[in-house]
Amino acid sequence: MTDKRDKIQENLDEEEEMTVTLSLDDGRELECVVLTIFPAGGREYIALLPMDDEEAEEGEVYLYRYTEDAEGQPELENIEDDEEYEIVADAFDEFLDSQEYDELVGEDELDEE
């Protein structure tokens, strides 16, 4: 049986655009694209990119702790600890680096054909 996280990752891998609506502290709602779900420090995290906001223009990415409740529904939690945030940010940077490498390798292979 495939869990919800695997389904989300499969959809991300297929490059379908999945979105999440965040309810911000100031009462606004912010639609975000799910960039990836990734492990760091023994937990799962999610990276979100705002779609229609000032943050979207700045390319700001939101990182949250990702868990699922007993029914398998996704839950996002704020990362409160600076040390935990640094671990997560470093893991996300490594993910981005690997994506850029994959894209470069893919382009090089196309150039060689």
C-alpha atoms as a PDB file:
ATOM      1  CA  MET A   1       0.000   0.000   0.000  1.00  0.00           C
ATOM      2  CA  THR A   2       1.350   3.426  -0.966  1.00  0.00           C
ATOM      3  CA  ASP A   3       1.106   6.144   1.672  1.00  0.00           C
ATOM      4  CA  LYS A   4       0.084   9.732   0.939  1.00  0.00           C
ATOM      5  CA  ARG A   5       3.694  11.004   1.055  1.00  0.00           C
ATOM      6  CA  ASP A   6       4.661   8.535  -1.685  1.00  0.00           C
ATOM      7  CA  LYS A   7       1.685   9.673  -3.780  1.00  0.00           C
ATOM      8  CA  ILE A   8       2.716  13.318  -3.342  1.00  0.00           C
ATOM      9  CA  GLN A   9       6.313  12.488  -4.287  1.00  0.00           C
ATOM     10  CA  GLU A  10       5.115  10.470  -7.321  1.00  0.00           C
ATOM     11  CA  ASN A  11       3.111  13.466  -8.485  1.00  0.00           C
ATOM     12  CA  LEU A  12       6.082  15.747  -7.910  1.00  0.00           C
ATOM     13  CA  ASP A  13       8.298  13.362  -9.863  1.00  0.00           C
ATOM     14  CA  GLU A  14       5.798  13.438 -12.729  1.00  0.00           C
ATOM     15  CA  GLU A  15       6.182  17.244 -12.640  1.00  0.00           C
ATOM     16  CA  GLU A  16       2.514  17.844 -11.941  1.00  0.00           C
ATOM     17  CA  GLU A  17       2.080  21.058 -10.011  1.00  0.00           C
ATOM     18  CA  MET A  18       0.748  20.311  -6.532  1.00  0.00           C
ATOM     19  CA  THR A  19      -0.339  23.203  -4.366  1.00  0.00           C
ATOM     20  CA  VAL A  20      -0.974  23.869  -0.687  1.00  0.00           C
ATOM     21  CA  THR A  21      -2.885  26.783   0.822  1.00  0.00           C
ATOM     22  CA  LEU A  22      -1.209  28.223   3.925  1.00  0.00           C
ATOM     23  CA  SER A  23      -3.175  30.192   6.514  1.00  0.00           C
ATOM     24  CA  LEU A  24      -0.801  32.903   7.716  1.00  0.00           C
ATOM     25  CA  ASP A  25      -0.747  34.481  11.182  1.00  0.00           C
ATOM     26  CA  ASP A  26      -2.144  37.751   9.801  1.00  0.00           C
ATOM     27  CA  GLY A  27      -5.251  35.958   8.479  1.00  0.00           C
ATOM     28  CA  ARG A  28      -4.175  35.886   4.825  1.00  0.00           C
ATOM     29  CA  GLU A  29      -4.160  32.726   2.792  1.00  0.00           C
ATOM     30  CA  LEU A  30      -1.207  32.016   0.550  1.00  0.00           C
ATOM     31  CA  GLU A  31      -1.258  29.495  -2.306  1.00  0.00           C
ATOM     32  CA  CYS A  32       2.074  27.682  -2.671  1.00  0.00           C
ATOM     33  CA  VAL A  33       3.547  25.140  -5.057  1.00  0.00           C
ATOM     34  CA  VAL A  34       4.974  22.026  -3.386  1.00  0.00           C
ATOM     35  CA  LEU A  35       8.608  21.861  -4.492  1.00  0.00           C
ATOM     36  CA  THR A  36       9.545  18.659  -2.682  1.00  0.00           C
ATOM     37  CA  ILE A  37       9.226  16.561   0.452  1.00  0.00           C
ATOM     38  CA  PHE A  38      12.637  15.591   1.778  1.00  0.00           C
ATOM     39  CA  PRO A  39      14.282  13.968   4.814  1.00  0.00           C
ATOM     40  CA  ALA A  40      16.590  15.832   7.193  1.00  0.00           C
ATOM     41  CA  GLY A  41      17.763  14.975  10.694  1.00  0.00           C
ATOM     42  CA  GLY A  42      15.525  11.909  10.929  1.00  0.00           C
ATOM     43  CA  ARG A  43      12.305  13.760  10.019  1.00  0.00           C
ATOM     44  CA  GLU A  44      10.409  14.715   6.877  1.00  0.00           C
ATOM     45  CA  TYR A  45      10.125  18.322   5.651  1.00  0.00           C
ATOM     46  CA  ILE A  46       8.307  20.098   2.850  1.00  0.00           C
ATOM     47  CA  ALA A  47       9.484  23.026   0.714  1.00  0.00           C
ATOM     48  CA  LEU A  48       6.822  25.429  -0.576  1.00  0.00           C
ATOM     49  CA  LEU A  49       7.132  28.263  -3.101  1.00  0.00           C
ATOM     50  CA  PRO A  50       4.479  31.042  -2.923  1.00  0.00           C
ATOM     51  CA  MET A  51       2.566  31.603  -6.162  1.00  0.00           C
ATOM     52  CA  ASP A  52       0.800  34.972  -5.861  1.00  0.00           C
ATOM     53  CA  ASP A  53       2.523  37.184  -3.344  1.00  0.00           C
ATOM     54  CA  GLU A  54       5.452  39.503  -2.817  1.00  0.00           C
ATOM     55  CA  GLU A  55       7.406  36.501  -1.529  1.00  0.00           C
ATOM     56  CA  ALA A  56       6.933  34.815  -4.916  1.00  0.00           C
ATOM     57  CA  GLU A  57       8.721  37.686  -6.637  1.00  0.00           C
ATOM     58  CA  GLU A  58      11.621  37.345  -4.199  1.00  0.00           C
ATOM     59  CA  GLY A  59      11.824  33.571  -4.731  1.00  0.00           C
ATOM     60  CA  GLU A  60      11.377  32.935  -1.010  1.00  0.00           C
ATOM     61  CA  VAL A  61      10.816  29.272  -0.124  1.00  0.00           C
ATOM     62  CA  TYR A  62       8.927  28.193   2.995  1.00  0.00           C
ATOM     63  CA  LEU A  63      10.188  25.132   4.882  1.00  0.00           C
ATOM     64  CA  TYR A  64       7.923  23.207   7.265  1.00  0.00           C
ATOM     65  CA  ARG A  65       8.094  19.987   9.226  1.00  0.00           C
ATOM     66  CA  TYR A  66       5.913  17.446   7.406  1.00  0.00           C
ATOM     67  CA  THR A  67       3.941  14.701   9.195  1.00  0.00           C
ATOM     68  CA  GLU A  68       0.725  12.790   8.658  1.00  0.00           C
ATOM     69  CA  ASP A  69      -2.106  12.289  11.135  1.00  0.00           C
ATOM     70  CA  ALA A  70      -3.721   8.930  11.953  1.00  0.00           C
ATOM     71  CA  GLU A  71      -5.908   9.193   8.820  1.00  0.00           C
ATOM     72  CA  GLY A  72      -2.896   9.895   6.600  1.00  0.00           C
ATOM     73  CA  GLN A  73      -3.720  13.581   6.143  1.00  0.00           C
ATOM     74  CA  PRO A  74      -0.671  15.850   5.735  1.00  0.00           C
ATOM     75  CA  GLU A  75       0.173  18.186   8.601  1.00  0.00           C
ATOM     76  CA  LEU A  76       2.664  21.051   8.469  1.00  0.00           C
ATOM     77  CA  GLU A  77       4.421  22.336  11.572  1.00  0.00           C
ATOM     78  CA  ASN A  78       6.559  25.433  11.991  1.00  0.00           C
ATOM     79  CA  ILE A  79      10.259  24.903  12.585  1.00  0.00           C
ATOM     80  CA  GLU A  80      10.833  26.808  15.829  1.00  0.00           C
ATOM     81  CA  ASP A  81      14.432  25.826  16.612  1.00  0.00           C
ATOM     82  CA  ASP A  82      17.278  27.659  14.830  1.00  0.00           C
ATOM     83  CA  GLU A  83      19.512  24.577  14.867  1.00  0.00           C
ATOM     84  CA  GLU A  84      16.773  22.419  13.313  1.00  0.00           C
ATOM     85  CA  TYR A  85      16.128  25.100  10.692  1.00  0.00           C
ATOM     86  CA  GLU A  86      19.817  25.170   9.715  1.00  0.00           C
ATOM     87  CA  ILE A  87      19.817  21.376   9.257  1.00  0.00           C
ATOM     88  CA  VAL A  88      16.672  21.588   7.108  1.00  0.00           C
ATOM     89  CA  ALA A  89      17.931  24.547   5.051  1.00  0.00           C
ATOM     90  CA  ASP A  90      21.231  22.733   4.380  1.00  0.00           C
ATOM     91  CA  ALA A  91      19.367  19.573   3.297  1.00  0.00           C
ATOM     92  CA  PHE A  92      17.144  21.646   0.982  1.00  0.00           C
ATOM     93  CA  ASP A  93      20.226  23.352  -0.508  1.00  0.00           C
ATOM     94  CA  GLU A  94      21.730  19.905  -1.158  1.00  0.00           C
ATOM     95  CA  PHE A  95      18.474  18.900  -2.872  1.00  0.00           C
ATOM     96  CA  LEU A  96      18.658  22.006  -5.079  1.00  0.00           C
ATOM     97  CA  ASP A  97      22.297  21.286  -5.910  1.00  0.00           C
ATOM     98  CA  SER A  98      21.440  17.718  -6.915  1.00  0.00           C
ATOM     99  CA  GLN A  99      18.564  18.972  -9.085  1.00  0.00           C
ATOM    100  CA  GLU A 100      20.867  21.440 -10.841  1.00  0.00           C
ATOM    101  CA  TYR A 101      23.421  18.660 -11.362  1.00  0.00           C
ATOM    102  CA  ASP A 102      20.733  16.368 -12.791  1.00  0.00           C
ATOM    103  CA  GLU A 103      19.618  19.129 -15.158  1.00  0.00           C
ATOM    104  CA  LEU A 104      23.205  19.807 -16.252  1.00  0.00           C
ATOM    105  CA  VAL A 105      23.914  16.128 -16.811  1.00  0.00           C
ATOM    106  CA  GLY A 106      20.658  15.797 -18.745  1.00  0.00           C
ATOM    107  CA  GLU A 107      21.551  18.777 -20.940  1.00  0.00           C
ATOM    108  CA  ASP A 108      25.076  17.455 -21.533  1.00  0.00           C
ATOM    109  CA  GLU A 109      23.710  14.078 -22.607  1.00  0.00           C
ATOM    110  CA  LEU A 110      21.371  15.816 -25.056  1.00  0.00           C
ATOM    111  CA  ASP A 111      24.255  17.896 -26.450  1.00  0.00           C
ATOM    112  CA  GLU A 112      26.302  14.747 -27.073  1.00  0.00           C
ATOM    113  CA  GLU A 113      23.609  13.073 -29.209  1.00  0.00           C
END
